[in-house]
C-alpha cells in the first residue's frame, strides 16, 4: 500500500479521525482519549497502533500514573493536504506534505481575521481549481472521442487511452511492456 492509499484507509475510519482531532487539541494517552470519546480503551489502543504505524502520530514517551502503569503520550505528526479529483474522464489523488511553522517566527499577522483571509483565499483557489479540473476533463473527453473515432487498432487505442489518463510515457511503457520510444512515437502521431 502506498502513502496515499494508507492515508485514505486511515481517514475513512471515524474513530481514527476522532483520535487525531483530539490529539490536535492536546497531547494525550489512550485512557484519556478513551474517556473523552466514550470508546473502550482497547479499541482506542488498537487505533493508536494503526496511527503510529502510519506515521500520523508518535509517542513522546511515558507519563507516570498514580493509579496504574505509566501511560504512553501521543502527539500528531505527518501532516498533509489530500486532494481527490473524480471526474468522468480521470481520477487523481494527490498528497502534499505540510511543514510545521516554527513557533519562534514573527507573531505579527496572527489573528482570527488572518484565518478568515486565508480561508477566503483557499476558497477562491479551490473555485479556480474546480474550473481547471472541469476544463481538463473536457479536453480529455474530446481527445478520447477523437481517438475512438480515428484509431481503429485496439492496441494503439489502449496505449493512447492510458497515456491520456497518466500523461506519462514512462508509466505507459511500464504497464504495456512497450519501449518508451515507441510509446512516444504513437503519442506524437495521434495526439501531437
Protein backbone atom coordinates (compact mmCIF):
# COMPACT_ATOMS: atom_id res chain seq x y z
CA UNK A 1 0.00 0.00 0.00
CA UNK A 2 1.45 3.39 -0.92
CA UNK A 3 1.41 6.58 1.11
CA UNK A 4 -1.85 7.89 -0.39
CA UNK A 5 -3.66 4.55 -0.01
CA UNK A 6 -2.56 4.34 3.62
CA UNK A 7 -3.78 7.86 4.34
CA UNK A 8 -7.14 7.21 2.64
CA UNK A 9 -7.55 3.99 4.59
CA UNK A 10 -6.71 5.74 7.87
CA UNK A 11 -9.07 8.67 7.26
CA UNK A 12 -12.06 6.52 6.30
CA UNK A 13 -12.35 5.36 9.92
CA UNK A 14 -14.33 7.80 12.10
CA UNK A 15 -12.65 6.63 15.33
CA UNK A 16 -9.19 7.35 13.91
CA UNK A 17 -10.33 10.79 12.75
CA UNK A 18 -11.75 11.50 16.22
CA UNK A 19 -8.46 10.43 17.84
CA UNK A 20 -6.48 12.68 15.51
CA UNK A 21 -8.81 15.63 16.23
CA UNK A 22 -8.36 15.06 19.96
CA UNK A 23 -4.57 14.92 19.59
CA UNK A 24 -4.58 18.13 17.53
CA UNK A 25 -6.03 19.88 20.57
CA UNK A 26 -3.59 18.39 23.09
CA UNK A 27 -1.13 15.57 23.55
CA UNK A 28 -2.84 12.67 25.24
CA UNK A 29 -2.74 8.98 26.16
CA UNK A 30 -5.05 6.04 25.49
CA UNK A 31 -7.14 6.08 28.66
CA UNK A 32 -7.77 9.83 28.46
CA UNK A 33 -8.75 9.58 24.77
CA UNK A 34 -10.98 6.60 25.59
CA UNK A 35 -12.85 8.55 28.29
CA UNK A 36 -13.12 11.65 26.11
CA UNK A 37 -14.55 9.80 23.11
CA UNK A 38 -16.62 7.24 25.03
CA UNK A 39 -14.90 4.33 23.29
CA UNK A 40 -13.25 1.35 25.01
CA UNK A 41 -9.59 1.73 25.86
CA UNK A 42 -8.79 -1.49 23.99
CA UNK A 43 -10.37 -0.11 20.78
CA UNK A 44 -8.51 3.20 21.21
CA UNK A 45 -5.18 1.44 21.80
CA UNK A 46 -5.68 -0.62 18.64
CA UNK A 47 -6.34 2.54 16.61
CA UNK A 48 -3.37 4.33 18.20
CA UNK A 49 -1.14 1.48 16.97
CA UNK A 50 -2.53 1.86 13.44
CA UNK A 51 -1.97 5.64 13.51
CA UNK A 52 1.56 5.22 14.85
CA UNK A 53 2.49 2.66 12.15
CA UNK A 54 1.17 5.10 9.53
CA UNK A 55 3.39 7.86 10.99
CA UNK A 56 0.40 10.08 11.76
CA UNK A 57 1.19 10.13 15.48
CA UNK A 58 4.26 9.40 17.56
CA UNK A 59 4.88 8.56 21.18
CA UNK A 60 6.56 11.33 23.13
CA UNK A 61 7.41 8.94 25.93
CA UNK A 62 5.52 7.94 29.03
CA UNK A 63 3.98 9.83 31.88
CA UNK A 64 3.76 8.25 35.34
CA UNK A 65 0.39 7.37 36.80
CA UNK A 66 -0.53 7.08 40.47
CA UNK A 67 -3.30 4.57 39.70
CA UNK A 68 -1.62 2.23 37.23
CA UNK A 69 1.24 1.67 34.83
CA UNK A 70 2.94 4.61 33.07
CA UNK A 71 0.96 5.99 30.14
CA UNK A 72 2.27 6.42 26.62
CA UNK A 73 1.65 10.01 25.49
CA UNK A 74 0.95 10.67 21.79
CA UNK A 75 1.31 13.67 19.54
CA UNK A 76 0.18 14.10 15.91
CA UNK A 77 2.68 14.29 13.04
CA UNK A 78 2.87 13.63 9.29
CA UNK A 79 0.56 16.48 8.28
CA UNK A 80 -0.59 16.80 4.67
CA UNK A 81 -3.24 18.01 2.30
CA UNK A 82 -5.07 15.35 0.33
CA UNK A 83 -6.82 16.29 -2.93
CA UNK A 84 -9.11 13.91 -4.80
CA UNK A 85 -10.37 14.62 -8.30
CA UNK A 86 -13.11 12.27 -9.50
CA UNK A 87 -14.36 13.21 -12.97
CA UNK A 88 -15.96 11.42 -15.93
CA UNK A 89 -12.50 11.05 -17.52
CA UNK A 90 -9.98 10.71 -14.71
CA UNK A 91 -9.38 10.01 -11.06
CA UNK A 92 -6.43 11.73 -9.48
CA UNK A 93 -5.39 11.59 -5.85
CA UNK A 94 -2.58 13.88 -4.73
CA UNK A 95 -0.92 14.25 -1.36
CA UNK A 96 1.05 17.34 -0.41
CA UNK A 97 3.11 17.17 2.75
CA UNK A 98 2.84 20.18 5.06
CA UNK A 99 5.65 21.60 7.14
CA UNK A 100 5.04 22.97 10.60
CA UNK A 101 5.70 26.66 11.02
CA UNK A 102 8.38 27.45 13.55
CA UNK A 103 6.73 28.70 16.73
CA UNK A 104 9.50 31.27 17.17
CA UNK A 105 8.71 33.10 13.92
CA UNK A 106 7.28 36.61 13.85
CA UNK A 107 3.84 36.68 15.51
CA UNK A 108 2.57 39.67 13.53
CA UNK A 109 -0.50 38.85 11.48
CA UNK A 110 -1.64 36.10 13.82
CA UNK A 111 -5.35 36.78 14.28
CA UNK A 112 -8.83 35.45 13.61
CA UNK A 113 -9.07 37.99 10.78
CA UNK A 114 -5.98 36.47 9.15
CA UNK A 115 -7.57 33.00 9.37
CA UNK A 116 -10.66 34.40 7.62
CA UNK A 117 -8.48 35.93 4.89
CA UNK A 118 -6.67 32.63 4.40
CA UNK A 119 -9.97 30.73 4.22
CA UNK A 120 -11.25 33.15 1.58
CA UNK A 121 -8.05 32.76 -0.46
CA UNK A 122 -8.20 28.97 -0.20
CA UNK A 123 -11.88 29.00 -1.24
CA UNK A 124 -11.02 31.19 -4.25
CA UNK A 125 -8.16 28.87 -5.20
CA UNK A 126 -10.44 25.83 -4.93
CA UNK A 127 -13.03 27.50 -7.17
CA UNK A 128 -10.29 28.28 -9.70
CA UNK A 129 -9.00 24.72 -9.38
CA UNK A 130 -12.50 23.37 -9.93
CA UNK A 131 -12.68 25.28 -13.21
CA UNK A 132 -9.29 23.93 -14.27
CA UNK A 133 -10.33 20.35 -13.44
CA UNK A 134 -13.53 20.81 -15.46
CA UNK A 135 -11.52 22.15 -18.41
CA UNK A 136 -9.04 19.25 -18.17
CA UNK A 137 -11.97 16.81 -18.10
CA UNK A 138 -13.48 18.39 -21.23
CA UNK A 139 -10.17 18.26 -23.12
CA UNK A 140 -9.57 14.62 -22.20
CA UNK A 141 -13.16 13.78 -23.18
CA UNK A 142 -12.66 15.43 -26.57
CA UNK A 143 -9.29 13.75 -27.17
CA UNK A 144 -10.70 10.35 -26.18
CA UNK A 145 -13.59 10.81 -28.59
CA UNK A 146 -11.10 11.67 -31.35
CA UNK A 147 -9.02 8.58 -30.55
CA UNK A 148 -12.10 6.32 -30.66
CA UNK A 149 -13.19 7.81 -34.00
CA UNK A 150 -9.73 7.89 -35.66
CA UNK A 151 -7.87 4.88 -34.27
CA UNK A 152 -9.20 1.51 -35.32
CA UNK A 153 -6.39 -0.69 -33.95
CA UNK A 154 -7.33 -1.67 -30.39
CA UNK A 155 -3.76 -1.91 -29.10
CA UNK A 156 -2.81 1.61 -30.22
CA UNK A 157 -6.12 2.91 -28.87
CA UNK A 158 -5.31 1.30 -25.49
CA UNK A 159 -1.88 2.98 -25.43
CA UNK A 160 -3.39 6.37 -26.25
CA UNK A 161 -6.15 6.00 -23.65
CA UNK A 162 -3.61 5.05 -20.97
CA UNK A 163 -1.45 7.98 -21.97
CA UNK A 164 -4.42 10.37 -21.71
CA UNK A 165 -5.02 9.05 -18.20
CA UNK A 166 -1.43 9.42 -16.97
CA UNK A 167 0.28 11.85 -19.40
CA UNK A 168 3.38 9.82 -18.60
CA UNK A 169 5.13 7.90 -21.39
CA UNK A 170 7.36 6.00 -18.95
CA UNK A 171 4.36 4.75 -16.97
CA UNK A 172 2.53 3.65 -20.13
CA UNK A 173 5.71 1.87 -21.22
CA UNK A 174 5.89 0.07 -17.86
CA UNK A 175 2.25 -1.04 -17.91
CA UNK A 176 2.24 -2.16 -21.55
CA UNK A 177 5.79 -3.50 -21.82
CA UNK A 178 6.38 -1.39 -24.94
CA UNK A 179 9.60 0.63 -25.23
CA UNK A 180 9.12 4.29 -24.34
CA UNK A 181 10.40 5.40 -27.78
CA UNK A 182 7.52 3.56 -29.47
CA UNK A 183 5.03 5.00 -26.96
CA UNK A 184 6.40 8.47 -27.71
CA UNK A 185 6.02 7.93 -31.48
CA UNK A 186 2.44 6.67 -31.13
CA UNK A 187 1.52 9.62 -28.91
CA UNK A 188 3.16 12.11 -31.30
CA UNK A 189 1.48 10.55 -34.35
CA UNK A 190 -2.02 10.57 -32.92
CA UNK A 191 -2.09 13.28 -30.26
CA UNK A 192 0.86 15.53 -31.14
